[in-house]
Amino acid sequence: MNVRCPNCQVVFKTSQEKTTLLNYAIQKGQKLVMLECPECFKVVPINPSALLAKVSQKDNDTKQQYDGIDCPICLDGIVSYVDDNKEVFWGCGECGMTWTSESEIEKDINS
């Protein structure tokens, strides 16, 4: 499968192992799989079902503007957009910090 890194914009082909992982995630209805970009080595958050869409990924989607950036709080985690059909927020899986708006993330990035 071809994946475009949101960080460096390089399109890369997933290995057979990662393709199997993505196919499994699609079958199970998972909404998030983390891969590593072979070009910039940053983590790439992927919605596996979006890989099946015939529409290309959008760069200006505000909900994904902060996906994949380093957490401004702990510096070890990655910020990911979360929509669990109950609430929508950005969160860091490493430290557990959450943000409900882009302005909150910007404030922490700039501080």
C-alpha atoms as a PDB file:
ATOM      1  CA  MET A   1       0.000   0.000   0.000  1.00  0.00           C
ATOM      2  CA  ASN A   2       1.135   3.528  -0.663  1.00  0.00           C
ATOM      3  CA  VAL A   3       1.153   5.988   2.253  1.00  0.00           C
ATOM      4  CA  ARG A   4       1.977   9.688   2.191  1.00  0.00           C
ATOM      5  CA  CYS A   5       3.873  10.992   5.210  1.00  0.00           C
ATOM      6  CA  PRO A   6       2.188  14.142   6.582  1.00  0.00           C
ATOM      7  CA  ASN A   7       5.554  15.373   7.864  1.00  0.00           C
ATOM      8  CA  CYS A   8       7.835  15.209   4.805  1.00  0.00           C
ATOM      9  CA  GLN A   9       5.133  14.561   2.131  1.00  0.00           C
ATOM     10  CA  VAL A  10       7.010  11.551   0.698  1.00  0.00           C
ATOM     11  CA  VAL A  11       4.839   8.723  -0.620  1.00  0.00           C
ATOM     12  CA  PHE A  12       6.226   5.357   0.416  1.00  0.00           C
ATOM     13  CA  LYS A  13       5.195   1.766  -0.196  1.00  0.00           C
ATOM     14  CA  THR A  14       4.594  -0.257   2.958  1.00  0.00           C
ATOM     15  CA  SER A  15       6.468  -3.496   3.542  1.00  0.00           C
ATOM     16  CA  GLN A  16       4.593  -6.796   3.274  1.00  0.00           C
ATOM     17  CA  GLU A  17       4.483  -6.964   7.087  1.00  0.00           C
ATOM     18  CA  LYS A  18       2.961  -3.463   7.375  1.00  0.00           C
ATOM     19  CA  THR A  19       0.540  -4.160   4.519  1.00  0.00           C
ATOM     20  CA  THR A  20      -0.671  -7.248   6.410  1.00  0.00           C
ATOM     21  CA  LEU A  21      -1.048  -5.136   9.560  1.00  0.00           C
ATOM     22  CA  LEU A  22      -3.047  -2.488   7.672  1.00  0.00           C
ATOM     23  CA  ASN A  23      -5.300  -5.102   6.040  1.00  0.00           C
ATOM     24  CA  TYR A  24      -5.978  -6.643   9.466  1.00  0.00           C
ATOM     25  CA  ALA A  25      -6.771  -3.193  10.892  1.00  0.00           C
ATOM     26  CA  ILE A  26      -9.177  -2.518   8.016  1.00  0.00           C
ATOM     27  CA  GLN A  27     -10.976  -5.833   8.634  1.00  0.00           C
ATOM     28  CA  LYS A  28     -11.287  -5.071  12.359  1.00  0.00           C
ATOM     29  CA  GLY A  29     -12.464  -1.494  11.777  1.00  0.00           C
ATOM     30  CA  GLN A  30      -9.533   0.095  13.578  1.00  0.00           C
ATOM     31  CA  LYS A  31      -9.224   3.841  13.103  1.00  0.00           C
ATOM     32  CA  LEU A  32      -5.563   4.336  13.982  1.00  0.00           C
ATOM     33  CA  VAL A  33      -2.343   2.563  13.068  1.00  0.00           C
ATOM     34  CA  MET A  34       1.062   4.138  13.652  1.00  0.00           C
ATOM     35  CA  LEU A  35       3.816   3.533  11.083  1.00  0.00           C
ATOM     36  CA  GLU A  36       7.297   5.008  10.736  1.00  0.00           C
ATOM     37  CA  CYS A  37       8.199   6.997   7.647  1.00  0.00           C
ATOM     38  CA  PRO A  38      11.300   5.504   5.992  1.00  0.00           C
ATOM     39  CA  GLU A  39      12.321   8.973   4.766  1.00  0.00           C
ATOM     40  CA  CYS A  40      12.061  11.275   7.825  1.00  0.00           C
ATOM     41  CA  PHE A  41      11.703   8.505  10.464  1.00  0.00           C
ATOM     42  CA  LYS A  42       8.775  10.270  12.135  1.00  0.00           C
ATOM     43  CA  VAL A  43       5.647   8.454  13.221  1.00  0.00           C
ATOM     44  CA  VAL A  44       2.816   8.492  10.699  1.00  0.00           C
ATOM     45  CA  PRO A  45      -0.706   8.145  12.149  1.00  0.00           C
ATOM     46  CA  ILE A  46      -2.950   6.372   9.619  1.00  0.00           C
ATOM     47  CA  ASN A  47      -6.660   5.674   9.459  1.00  0.00           C
ATOM     48  CA  PRO A  48      -6.479   2.311   7.630  1.00  0.00           C
ATOM     49  CA  SER A  49      -9.918   2.620   6.045  1.00  0.00           C
ATOM     50  CA  ALA A  50      -8.864   5.956   4.498  1.00  0.00           C
ATOM     51  CA  LEU A  51      -6.285   4.039   2.442  1.00  0.00           C
ATOM     52  CA  LEU A  52      -9.153   2.402   0.560  1.00  0.00           C
ATOM     53  CA  ALA A  53     -10.722   5.730  -0.410  1.00  0.00           C
ATOM     54  CA  LYS A  54     -10.363   6.862  -4.001  1.00  0.00           C
ATOM     55  CA  VAL A  55      -9.933  10.464  -2.810  1.00  0.00           C
ATOM     56  CA  SER A  56      -6.386  11.665  -2.139  1.00  0.00           C
ATOM     57  CA  GLN A  57      -5.356  12.758   1.338  1.00  0.00           C
ATOM     58  CA  LYS A  58      -5.973  16.410   2.134  1.00  0.00           C
ATOM     59  CA  ASP A  59      -3.188  18.599   3.506  1.00  0.00           C
ATOM     60  CA  ASN A  60      -5.400  21.423   4.719  1.00  0.00           C
ATOM     61  CA  ASP A  61      -7.753  19.369   6.895  1.00  0.00           C
ATOM     62  CA  THR A  62      -7.621  21.277  10.197  1.00  0.00           C
ATOM     63  CA  LYS A  63      -8.416  18.243  12.302  1.00  0.00           C
ATOM     64  CA  GLN A  64      -5.194  16.628  11.081  1.00  0.00           C
ATOM     65  CA  GLN A  65      -3.017  19.739  11.179  1.00  0.00           C
ATOM     66  CA  TYR A  66      -1.481  18.664  14.487  1.00  0.00           C
ATOM     67  CA  ASP A  67      -1.463  14.890  13.919  1.00  0.00           C
ATOM     68  CA  GLY A  68       1.997  13.457  14.153  1.00  0.00           C
ATOM     69  CA  ILE A  69       3.737  16.415  15.814  1.00  0.00           C
ATOM     70  CA  ASP A  70       5.881  15.841  18.876  1.00  0.00           C
ATOM     71  CA  CYS A  71       3.987  16.439  22.105  1.00  0.00           C
ATOM     72  CA  PRO A  72       4.824  19.951  23.373  1.00  0.00           C
ATOM     73  CA  ILE A  73       4.384  18.798  26.991  1.00  0.00           C
ATOM     74  CA  CYS A  74       6.401  15.575  27.392  1.00  0.00           C
ATOM     75  CA  LEU A  75       8.394  15.822  24.115  1.00  0.00           C
ATOM     76  CA  ASP A  76       8.362  12.000  23.876  1.00  0.00           C
ATOM     77  CA  GLY A  77       4.846  11.347  22.597  1.00  0.00           C
ATOM     78  CA  ILE A  78       3.025  12.111  19.371  1.00  0.00           C
ATOM     79  CA  VAL A  79      -0.140  14.233  19.153  1.00  0.00           C
ATOM     80  CA  SER A  80      -3.022  12.380  17.473  1.00  0.00           C
ATOM     81  CA  TYR A  81      -6.562  13.419  16.566  1.00  0.00           C
ATOM     82  CA  VAL A  82      -9.155  11.271  18.360  1.00  0.00           C
ATOM     83  CA  ASP A  83     -12.825  10.979  17.428  1.00  0.00           C
ATOM     84  CA  ASP A  84     -14.526   8.195  19.379  1.00  0.00           C
ATOM     85  CA  ASN A  85     -18.090   9.242  18.413  1.00  0.00           C
ATOM     86  CA  LYS A  86     -18.545  10.624  21.940  1.00  0.00           C
ATOM     87  CA  GLU A  87     -15.931  13.360  22.000  1.00  0.00           C
ATOM     88  CA  VAL A  88     -13.327  14.850  19.679  1.00  0.00           C
ATOM     89  CA  PHE A  89      -9.887  15.932  20.857  1.00  0.00           C
ATOM     90  CA  TRP A  90      -6.144  15.739  20.263  1.00  0.00           C
ATOM     91  CA  GLY A  91      -4.141  13.636  22.670  1.00  0.00           C
ATOM     92  CA  CYS A  92      -0.691  12.340  23.504  1.00  0.00           C
ATOM     93  CA  GLY A  93      -0.522   8.617  24.159  1.00  0.00           C
ATOM     94  CA  GLU A  94       2.707   8.978  26.118  1.00  0.00           C
ATOM     95  CA  CYS A  95       1.787  11.527  28.813  1.00  0.00           C
ATOM     96  CA  GLY A  96      -2.013  11.519  28.471  1.00  0.00           C
ATOM     97  CA  MET A  97      -2.305  15.268  27.805  1.00  0.00           C
ATOM     98  CA  THR A  98      -5.398  16.242  25.797  1.00  0.00           C
ATOM     99  CA  TRP A  99      -6.433  19.375  23.887  1.00  0.00           C
ATOM    100  CA  THR A 100      -9.928  20.252  22.688  1.00  0.00           C
ATOM    101  CA  SER A 101      -8.950  22.972  20.214  1.00  0.00           C
ATOM    102  CA  GLU A 102      -6.137  24.020  17.913  1.00  0.00           C
ATOM    103  CA  SER A 103      -5.621  27.190  19.954  1.00  0.00           C
ATOM    104  CA  GLU A 104      -4.861  25.133  23.066  1.00  0.00           C
ATOM    105  CA  ILE A 105      -2.188  23.176  21.185  1.00  0.00           C
ATOM    106  CA  GLU A 106      -0.715  26.378  19.724  1.00  0.00           C
ATOM    107  CA  LYS A 107      -0.527  27.912  23.203  1.00  0.00           C
ATOM    108  CA  ASP A 108       1.432  24.916  24.537  1.00  0.00           C
ATOM    109  CA  ILE A 109       3.684  24.793  21.454  1.00  0.00           C
ATOM    110  CA  ASN A 110       4.561  28.461  21.816  1.00  0.00           C
ATOM    111  CA  SER A 111       5.151  28.378  25.558  1.00  0.00           C
END
